[in-house]
């Protein structure tokens, strides 16, 4: 299912963002310019935003399921 794939991709990208942020902090502590790393981080965040929009769109397209209580009556 495409929705599951997008959810997995979002989680993978979020983990990468965490690693990228830690890397930027290490570079800043070392006194190294982080401009290119910050640009990459922003592109990653933009991609996550786009994936979240796509995920939400796909969720809206899913058919609504009726929930039934176990042992409940059908009126």
PDB file of N, CA and C in Angstrom:
ATOM      1  N   UNK A   1       0.836  -1.183   0.000  1.00  0.00           N
ATOM      2  CA  UNK A   1       0.000   0.000   0.000  1.00  0.00           C
ATOM      3  C   UNK A   1       0.879   1.244   0.000  1.00  0.00           C
ATOM      4  N   UNK A   2       0.518   2.208  -0.772  1.00  0.00           N
ATOM      5  CA  UNK A   2       1.312   3.417  -0.911  1.00  0.00           C
ATOM      6  C   UNK A   2       1.350   4.222   0.387  1.00  0.00           C
ATOM      7  N   UNK A   3       0.257   4.211   1.130  1.00  0.00           N
ATOM      8  CA  UNK A   3       0.197   4.956   2.385  1.00  0.00           C
ATOM      9  C   UNK A   3       1.235   4.421   3.374  1.00  0.00           C
ATOM     10  N   UNK A   4       1.359   3.116   3.463  1.00  0.00           N
ATOM     11  CA  UNK A   4       2.362   2.525   4.360  1.00  0.00           C
ATOM     12  C   UNK A   4       3.775   2.903   3.936  1.00  0.00           C
ATOM     13  N   UNK A   5       4.006   2.933   2.640  1.00  0.00           N
ATOM     14  CA  UNK A   5       5.328   3.313   2.123  1.00  0.00           C
ATOM     15  C   UNK A   5       5.659   4.760   2.506  1.00  0.00           C
ATOM     16  N   UNK A   6       4.702   5.644   2.358  1.00  0.00           N
ATOM     17  CA  UNK A   6       4.930   7.052   2.678  1.00  0.00           C
ATOM     18  C   UNK A   6       5.170   7.222   4.171  1.00  0.00           C
ATOM     19  N   UNK A   7       4.399   6.505   4.987  1.00  0.00           N
ATOM     20  CA  UNK A   7       4.615   6.574   6.439  1.00  0.00           C
ATOM     21  C   UNK A   7       6.015   6.113   6.816  1.00  0.00           C
ATOM     22  N   UNK A   8       6.465   5.040   6.196  1.00  0.00           N
ATOM     23  CA  UNK A   8       7.814   4.546   6.458  1.00  0.00           C
ATOM     24  C   UNK A   8       8.880   5.524   6.027  1.00  0.00           C
ATOM     25  N   UNK A   9       8.655   6.151   4.893  1.00  0.00           N
ATOM     26  CA  UNK A   9       9.607   7.145   4.381  1.00  0.00           C
ATOM     27  C   UNK A   9       9.674   8.355   5.315  1.00  0.00           C
ATOM     28  N   UNK A  10       8.537   8.780   5.842  1.00  0.00           N
ATOM     29  CA  UNK A  10       8.521   9.911   6.780  1.00  0.00           C
ATOM     30  C   UNK A  10       9.340   9.559   8.018  1.00  0.00           C
ATOM     31  N   UNK A  11       9.151   8.378   8.564  1.00  0.00           N
ATOM     32  CA  UNK A  11       9.896   7.968   9.750  1.00  0.00           C
ATOM     33  C   UNK A  11      11.394   7.889   9.469  1.00  0.00           C
ATOM     34  N   UNK A  12      11.750   7.360   8.311  1.00  0.00           N
ATOM     35  CA  UNK A  12      13.160   7.256   7.937  1.00  0.00           C
ATOM     36  C   UNK A  12      13.785   8.642   7.808  1.00  0.00           C
ATOM     37  N   UNK A  13      13.045   9.552   7.176  1.00  0.00           N
ATOM     38  CA  UNK A  13      13.554  10.911   6.991  1.00  0.00           C
ATOM     39  C   UNK A  13      13.692  11.637   8.331  1.00  0.00           C
ATOM     40  N   UNK A  14      12.761  11.400   9.242  1.00  0.00           N
ATOM     41  CA  UNK A  14      12.851  12.046  10.557  1.00  0.00           C
ATOM     42  C   UNK A  14      14.083  11.582  11.311  1.00  0.00           C
ATOM     43  N   UNK A  15      14.418  10.310  11.181  1.00  0.00           N
ATOM     44  CA  UNK A  15      15.642   9.799  11.811  1.00  0.00           C
ATOM     45  C   UNK A  15      16.863  10.462  11.190  1.00  0.00           C
ATOM     46  N   UNK A  16      16.845  10.630   9.870  1.00  0.00           N
ATOM     47  CA  UNK A  16      17.955  11.291   9.192  1.00  0.00           C
ATOM     48  C   UNK A  16      18.092  12.741   9.642  1.00  0.00           C
ATOM     49  N   UNK A  17      16.969  13.418   9.846  1.00  0.00           N
ATOM     50  CA  UNK A  17      17.001  14.810  10.299  1.00  0.00           C
ATOM     51  C   UNK A  17      17.663  14.895  11.672  1.00  0.00           C
ATOM     52  N   UNK A  18      17.353  13.960  12.540  1.00  0.00           N
ATOM     53  CA  UNK A  18      17.983  13.943  13.856  1.00  0.00           C
ATOM     54  C   UNK A  18      19.493  13.781  13.760  1.00  0.00           C
ATOM     55  N   UNK A  19      19.913  12.871  12.895  1.00  0.00           N
ATOM     56  CA  UNK A  19      21.362  12.679  12.703  1.00  0.00           C
ATOM     57  C   UNK A  19      22.006  13.937  12.118  1.00  0.00           C
ATOM     58  N   UNK A  20      21.317  14.567  11.165  1.00  0.00           N
ATOM     59  CA  UNK A  20      21.845  15.772  10.523  1.00  0.00           C
ATOM     60  C   UNK A  20      21.975  16.904  11.543  1.00  0.00           C
ATOM     61  N   UNK A  21      20.992  17.033  12.432  1.00  0.00           N
ATOM     62  CA  UNK A  21      21.054  18.092  13.448  1.00  0.00           C
ATOM     63  C   UNK A  21      22.227  17.871  14.397  1.00  0.00           C
ATOM     64  N   UNK A  22      22.441  16.604  14.789  1.00  0.00           N
ATOM     65  CA  UNK A  22      23.581  16.305  15.661  1.00  0.00           C
ATOM     66  C   UNK A  22      24.900  16.600  14.949  1.00  0.00           C
ATOM     67  N   UNK A  23      24.943  16.304  13.669  1.00  0.00           N
ATOM     68  CA  UNK A  23      26.145  16.579  12.888  1.00  0.00           C
ATOM     69  C   UNK A  23      26.411  18.079  12.804  1.00  0.00           C
ATOM     70  N   UNK A  24      25.372  18.863  12.615  1.00  0.00           N
ATOM     71  CA  UNK A  24      25.514  20.320  12.550  1.00  0.00           C
ATOM     72  C   UNK A  24      26.034  20.854  13.880  1.00  0.00           C
ATOM     73  N   UNK A  25      25.489  20.343  14.966  1.00  0.00           N
ATOM     74  CA  UNK A  25      25.981  20.783  16.281  1.00  0.00           C
ATOM     75  C   UNK A  25      27.458  20.457  16.476  1.00  0.00           C
ATOM     76  N   UNK A  26      27.866  19.279  16.033  1.00  0.00           N
ATOM     77  CA  UNK A  26      29.279  18.891  16.152  1.00  0.00           C
ATOM     78  C   UNK A  26      30.160  19.814  15.319  1.00  0.00           C
ATOM     79  N   UNK A  27      29.688  20.148  14.129  1.00  0.00           N
ATOM     80  CA  UNK A  27      30.458  21.065  13.277  1.00  0.00           C
ATOM     81  C   UNK A  27      30.547  22.451  13.912  1.00  0.00           C
ATOM     82  N   UNK A  28      29.445  22.912  14.497  1.00  0.00           N
ATOM     83  CA  UNK A  28      29.455  24.227  15.140  1.00  0.00           C
ATOM     84  C   UNK A  28      30.406  24.248  16.326  1.00  0.00           C
ATOM     85  N   UNK A  29      30.433  23.179  17.111  1.00  0.00           N
ATOM     86  CA  UNK A  29      31.357  23.103  18.243  1.00  0.00           C
ATOM     87  C   UNK A  29      32.804  23.098  17.775  1.00  0.00           C
ATOM     88  N   UNK A  30      33.026  22.544  16.586  1.00  0.00           N
ATOM     89  CA  UNK A  30      34.388  22.504  16.036  1.00  0.00           C
ATOM     90  C   UNK A  30      34.749  23.802  15.325  1.00  0.00           C
ATOM     91  N   UNK A  31      33.794  24.707  15.196  1.00  0.00           N
ATOM     92  CA  UNK A  31      34.068  25.988  14.554  1.00  0.00           C
ATOM     93  C   UNK A  31      34.067  25.912  13.040  1.00  0.00           C
ATOM     94  N   UNK A  32      33.416  24.909  12.478  1.00  0.00           N
ATOM     95  CA  UNK A  32      33.364  24.718  11.026  1.00  0.00           C
ATOM     96  C   UNK A  32      32.047  25.273  10.504  1.00  0.00           C
ATOM     97  N   UNK A  33      32.091  25.882   9.341  1.00  0.00           N
ATOM     98  CA  UNK A  33      30.893  26.449   8.732  1.00  0.00           C
ATOM     99  C   UNK A  33      29.850  25.359   8.485  1.00  0.00           C
ATOM    100  N   UNK A  34      28.607  25.669   8.819  1.00  0.00           N
ATOM    101  CA  UNK A  34      27.531  24.688   8.683  1.00  0.00           C
ATOM    102  C   UNK A  34      26.497  25.105   7.632  1.00  0.00           C
ATOM    103  N   UNK A  35      26.827  26.071   6.806  1.00  0.00           N
ATOM    104  CA  UNK A  35      25.858  26.603   5.849  1.00  0.00           C
ATOM    105  C   UNK A  35      25.317  25.523   4.919  1.00  0.00           C
ATOM    106  N   UNK A  36      26.189  24.741   4.315  1.00  0.00           N
ATOM    107  CA  UNK A  36      25.726  23.722   3.369  1.00  0.00           C
ATOM    108  C   UNK A  36      24.931  22.628   4.089  1.00  0.00           C
ATOM    109  N   UNK A  37      25.332  22.290   5.316  1.00  0.00           N
ATOM    110  CA  UNK A  37      24.604  21.282   6.078  1.00  0.00           C
ATOM    111  C   UNK A  37      23.218  21.794   6.455  1.00  0.00           C
ATOM    112  N   UNK A  38      23.106  23.081   6.761  1.00  0.00           N
ATOM    113  CA  UNK A  38      21.811  23.658   7.104  1.00  0.00           C
ATOM    114  C   UNK A  38      20.891  23.719   5.888  1.00  0.00           C
ATOM    115  N   UNK A  39      21.463  23.978   4.714  1.00  0.00           N
ATOM    116  CA  UNK A  39      20.673  23.974   3.478  1.00  0.00           C
ATOM    117  C   UNK A  39      20.142  22.566   3.214  1.00  0.00           C
ATOM    118  N   UNK A  40      20.986  21.572   3.394  1.00  0.00           N
ATOM    119  CA  UNK A  40      20.559  20.182   3.224  1.00  0.00           C
ATOM    120  C   UNK A  40      19.459  19.833   4.225  1.00  0.00           C
ATOM    121  N   UNK A  41      19.616  20.254   5.461  1.00  0.00           N
ATOM    122  CA  UNK A  41      18.612  19.999   6.493  1.00  0.00           C
ATOM    123  C   UNK A  41      17.272  20.626   6.100  1.00  0.00           C
ATOM    124  N   UNK A  42      17.292  21.835   5.580  1.00  0.00           N
ATOM    125  CA  UNK A  42      16.053  22.493   5.172  1.00  0.00           C
ATOM    126  C   UNK A  42      15.381  21.743   4.024  1.00  0.00           C
ATOM    127  N   UNK A  43      16.184  21.242   3.080  1.00  0.00           N
ATOM    128  CA  UNK A  43      15.609  20.452   1.977  1.00  0.00           C
ATOM    129  C   UNK A  43      14.964  19.179   2.513  1.00  0.00           C
ATOM    130  N   UNK A  44      15.601  18.560   3.496  1.00  0.00           N
ATOM    131  CA  UNK A  44      15.047  17.350   4.098  1.00  0.00           C
ATOM    132  C   UNK A  44      13.727  17.661   4.803  1.00  0.00           C
ATOM    133  N   UNK A  45      13.679  18.765   5.532  1.00  0.00           N
ATOM    134  CA  UNK A  45      12.456  19.151   6.230  1.00  0.00           C
ATOM    135  C   UNK A  45      11.328  19.469   5.246  1.00  0.00           C
ATOM    136  N   UNK A  46      11.684  20.114   4.130  1.00  0.00           N
ATOM    137  CA  UNK A  46      10.685  20.405   3.097  1.00  0.00           C
ATOM    138  C   UNK A  46      10.128  19.116   2.495  1.00  0.00           C
ATOM    139  N   UNK A  47      11.007  18.135   2.284  1.00  0.00           N
ATOM    140  CA  UNK A  47      10.553  16.859   1.733  1.00  0.00           C
ATOM    141  C   UNK A  47       9.615  16.151   2.712  1.00  0.00           C
ATOM    142  N   UNK A  48       9.938  16.210   4.001  1.00  0.00           N
ATOM    143  CA  UNK A  48       9.065  15.608   5.010  1.00  0.00           C
ATOM    144  C   UNK A  48       7.700  16.291   4.994  1.00  0.00           C
ATOM    145  N   UNK A  49       7.692  17.621   4.887  1.00  0.00           N
ATOM    146  CA  UNK A  49       6.419  18.345   4.823  1.00  0.00           C
ATOM    147  C   UNK A  49       5.589  17.890   3.629  1.00  0.00           C
ATOM    148  N   UNK A  50       6.234  17.727   2.477  1.00  0.00           N
ATOM    149  CA  UNK A  50       5.521  17.279   1.278  1.00  0.00           C
ATOM    150  C   UNK A  50       4.994  15.855   1.441  1.00  0.00           C
ATOM    151  N   UNK A  51       5.788  14.988   2.072  1.00  0.00           N
ATOM    152  CA  UNK A  51       5.334  13.626   2.321  1.00  0.00           C
ATOM    153  C   UNK A  51       4.145  13.601   3.281  1.00  0.00           C
ATOM    154  N   UNK A  52       4.148  14.481   4.270  1.00  0.00           N
ATOM    155  CA  UNK A  52       3.031  14.548   5.215  1.00  0.00           C
ATOM    156  C   UNK A  52       1.760  15.025   4.505  1.00  0.00           C
ATOM    157  N   UNK A  53       1.900  15.964   3.598  1.00  0.00           N
ATOM    158  CA  UNK A  53       0.750  16.426   2.816  1.00  0.00           C
ATOM    159  C   UNK A  53       0.201  15.286   1.970  1.00  0.00           C
ATOM    160  N   UNK A  54       1.086  14.543   1.339  1.00  0.00           N
ATOM    161  CA  UNK A  54       0.670  13.404   0.515  1.00  0.00           C
ATOM    162  C   UNK A  54       0.004  12.330   1.374  1.00  0.00           C
ATOM    163  N   UNK A  55       0.575  12.060   2.546  1.00  0.00           N
ATOM    164  CA  UNK A  55      -0.007  11.073   3.468  1.00  0.00           C
ATOM    165  C   UNK A  55      -1.418  11.479   3.880  1.00  0.00           C
ATOM    166  N   UNK A  56      -1.587  12.751   4.226  1.00  0.00           N
ATOM    167  CA  UNK A  56      -2.902  13.230   4.636  1.00  0.00           C
ATOM    168  C   UNK A  56      -3.912  13.131   3.495  1.00  0.00           C
ATOM    169  N   UNK A  57      -3.469  13.406   2.275  1.00  0.00           N
ATOM    170  CA  UNK A  57      -4.353  13.307   1.116  1.00  0.00           C
ATOM    171  C   UNK A  57      -4.794  11.861   0.910  1.00  0.00           C
ATOM    172  N   UNK A  58      -3.850  10.938   1.025  1.00  0.00           N
ATOM    173  CA  UNK A  58      -4.181   9.523   0.856  1.00  0.00           C
ATOM    174  C   UNK A  58      -5.099   9.017   1.969  1.00  0.00           C
ATOM    175  N   UNK A  59      -4.899   9.518   3.189  1.00  0.00           N
ATOM    176  CA  UNK A  59      -5.762   9.105   4.299  1.00  0.00           C
ATOM    177  C   UNK A  59      -7.200   9.547   4.060  1.00  0.00           C
ATOM    178  N   UNK A  60      -7.389  10.730   3.488  1.00  0.00           N
ATOM    179  CA  UNK A  60      -8.741  11.225   3.213  1.00  0.00           C
ATOM    180  C   UNK A  60      -9.436  10.392   2.138  1.00  0.00           C
ATOM    181  N   UNK A  61      -8.660   9.789   1.242  1.00  0.00           N
ATOM    182  CA  UNK A  61      -9.228   8.995   0.164  1.00  0.00           C
ATOM    183  C   UNK A  61      -9.639   7.589   0.612  1.00  0.00           C
ATOM    184  N   UNK A  62      -9.180   7.162   1.790  1.00  0.00           N
ATOM    185  CA  UNK A  62      -9.531   5.829   2.277  1.00  0.00           C
ATOM    186  C   UNK A  62     -11.024   5.764   2.589  1.00  0.00           C
ATOM    187  N   UNK A  63     -11.643   4.624   2.314  1.00  0.00           N
ATOM    188  CA  UNK A  63     -13.061   4.498   2.647  1.00  0.00           C
ATOM    189  C   UNK A  63     -13.256   4.489   4.161  1.00  0.00           C
ATOM    190  N   UNK A  64     -14.361   5.077   4.595  1.00  0.00           N
ATOM    191  CA  UNK A  64     -14.678   5.107   6.020  1.00  0.00           C
ATOM    192  C   UNK A  64     -15.176   3.729   6.442  1.00  0.00           C
ATOM    193  N   UNK A  65     -14.642   3.214   7.533  1.00  0.00           N
ATOM    194  CA  UNK A  65     -15.031   1.905   8.042  1.00  0.00           C
ATOM    195  C   UNK A  65     -16.017   2.082   9.184  1.00  0.00           C
ATOM    196  N   UNK A  66     -17.067   1.274   9.185  1.00  0.00           N
ATOM    197  CA  UNK A  66     -18.014   1.284  10.295  1.00  0.00           C
ATOM    198  C   UNK A  66     -17.418   0.459  11.417  1.00  0.00           C
ATOM    199  N   UNK A  67     -17.382   1.033  12.590  1.00  0.00           N
ATOM    200  CA  UNK A  67     -16.892   0.259  13.725  1.00  0.00           C
ATOM    201  C   UNK A  67     -18.087  -0.371  14.421  1.00  0.00           C
ATOM    202  N   UNK A  68     -17.940  -1.643  14.730  1.00  0.00           N
ATOM    203  CA  UNK A  68     -19.007  -2.360  15.424  1.00  0.00           C
ATOM    204  C   UNK A  68     -18.461  -2.846  16.749  1.00  0.00           C
ATOM    205  N   UNK A  69     -19.247  -2.652  17.763  1.00  0.00           N
ATOM    206  CA  UNK A  69     -18.879  -3.134  19.090  1.00  0.00           C
ATOM    207  C   UNK A  69     -19.128  -4.629  19.112  1.00  0.00           C
ATOM    208  N   UNK A  70     -18.194  -5.363  19.674  1.00  0.00           N
ATOM    209  CA  UNK A  70     -18.376  -6.815  19.761  1.00  0.00           C
ATOM    210  C   UNK A  70     -19.619  -7.130  20.576  1.00  0.00           C
ATOM    211  N   UNK A  71     -20.460  -7.952  20.011  1.00  0.00           N
ATOM    212  CA  UNK A  71     -21.679  -8.328  20.699  1.00  0.00           C
ATOM    213  C   UNK A  71     -22.770  -7.267  20.639  1.00  0.00           C
ATOM    214  N   UNK A  72     -22.520  -6.209  19.884  1.00  0.00           N
ATOM    215  CA  UNK A  72     -23.511  -5.128  19.784  1.00  0.00           C
ATOM    216  C   UNK A  72     -24.621  -5.477  18.819  1.00  0.00           C
ATOM    217  N   UNK A  73     -25.668  -4.717  18.871  1.00  0.00           N
ATOM    218  CA  UNK A  73     -26.827  -4.957  18.014  1.00  0.00           C
ATOM    219  C   UNK A  73     -26.722  -4.142  16.737  1.00  0.00           C
ATOM    220  N   UNK A  74     -27.241  -4.706  15.679  1.00  0.00           N
ATOM    221  CA  UNK A  74     -27.400  -3.967  14.440  1.00  0.00           C
ATOM    222  C   UNK A  74     -28.840  -3.470  14.380  1.00  0.00           C
ATOM    223  N   UNK A  75     -29.059  -2.205  14.538  1.00  0.00           N
ATOM    224  CA  UNK A  75     -30.413  -1.649  14.533  1.00  0.00           C
ATOM    225  C   UNK A  75     -30.823  -1.374  13.149  1.00  0.00           C
TER     226      UNK A  75
END
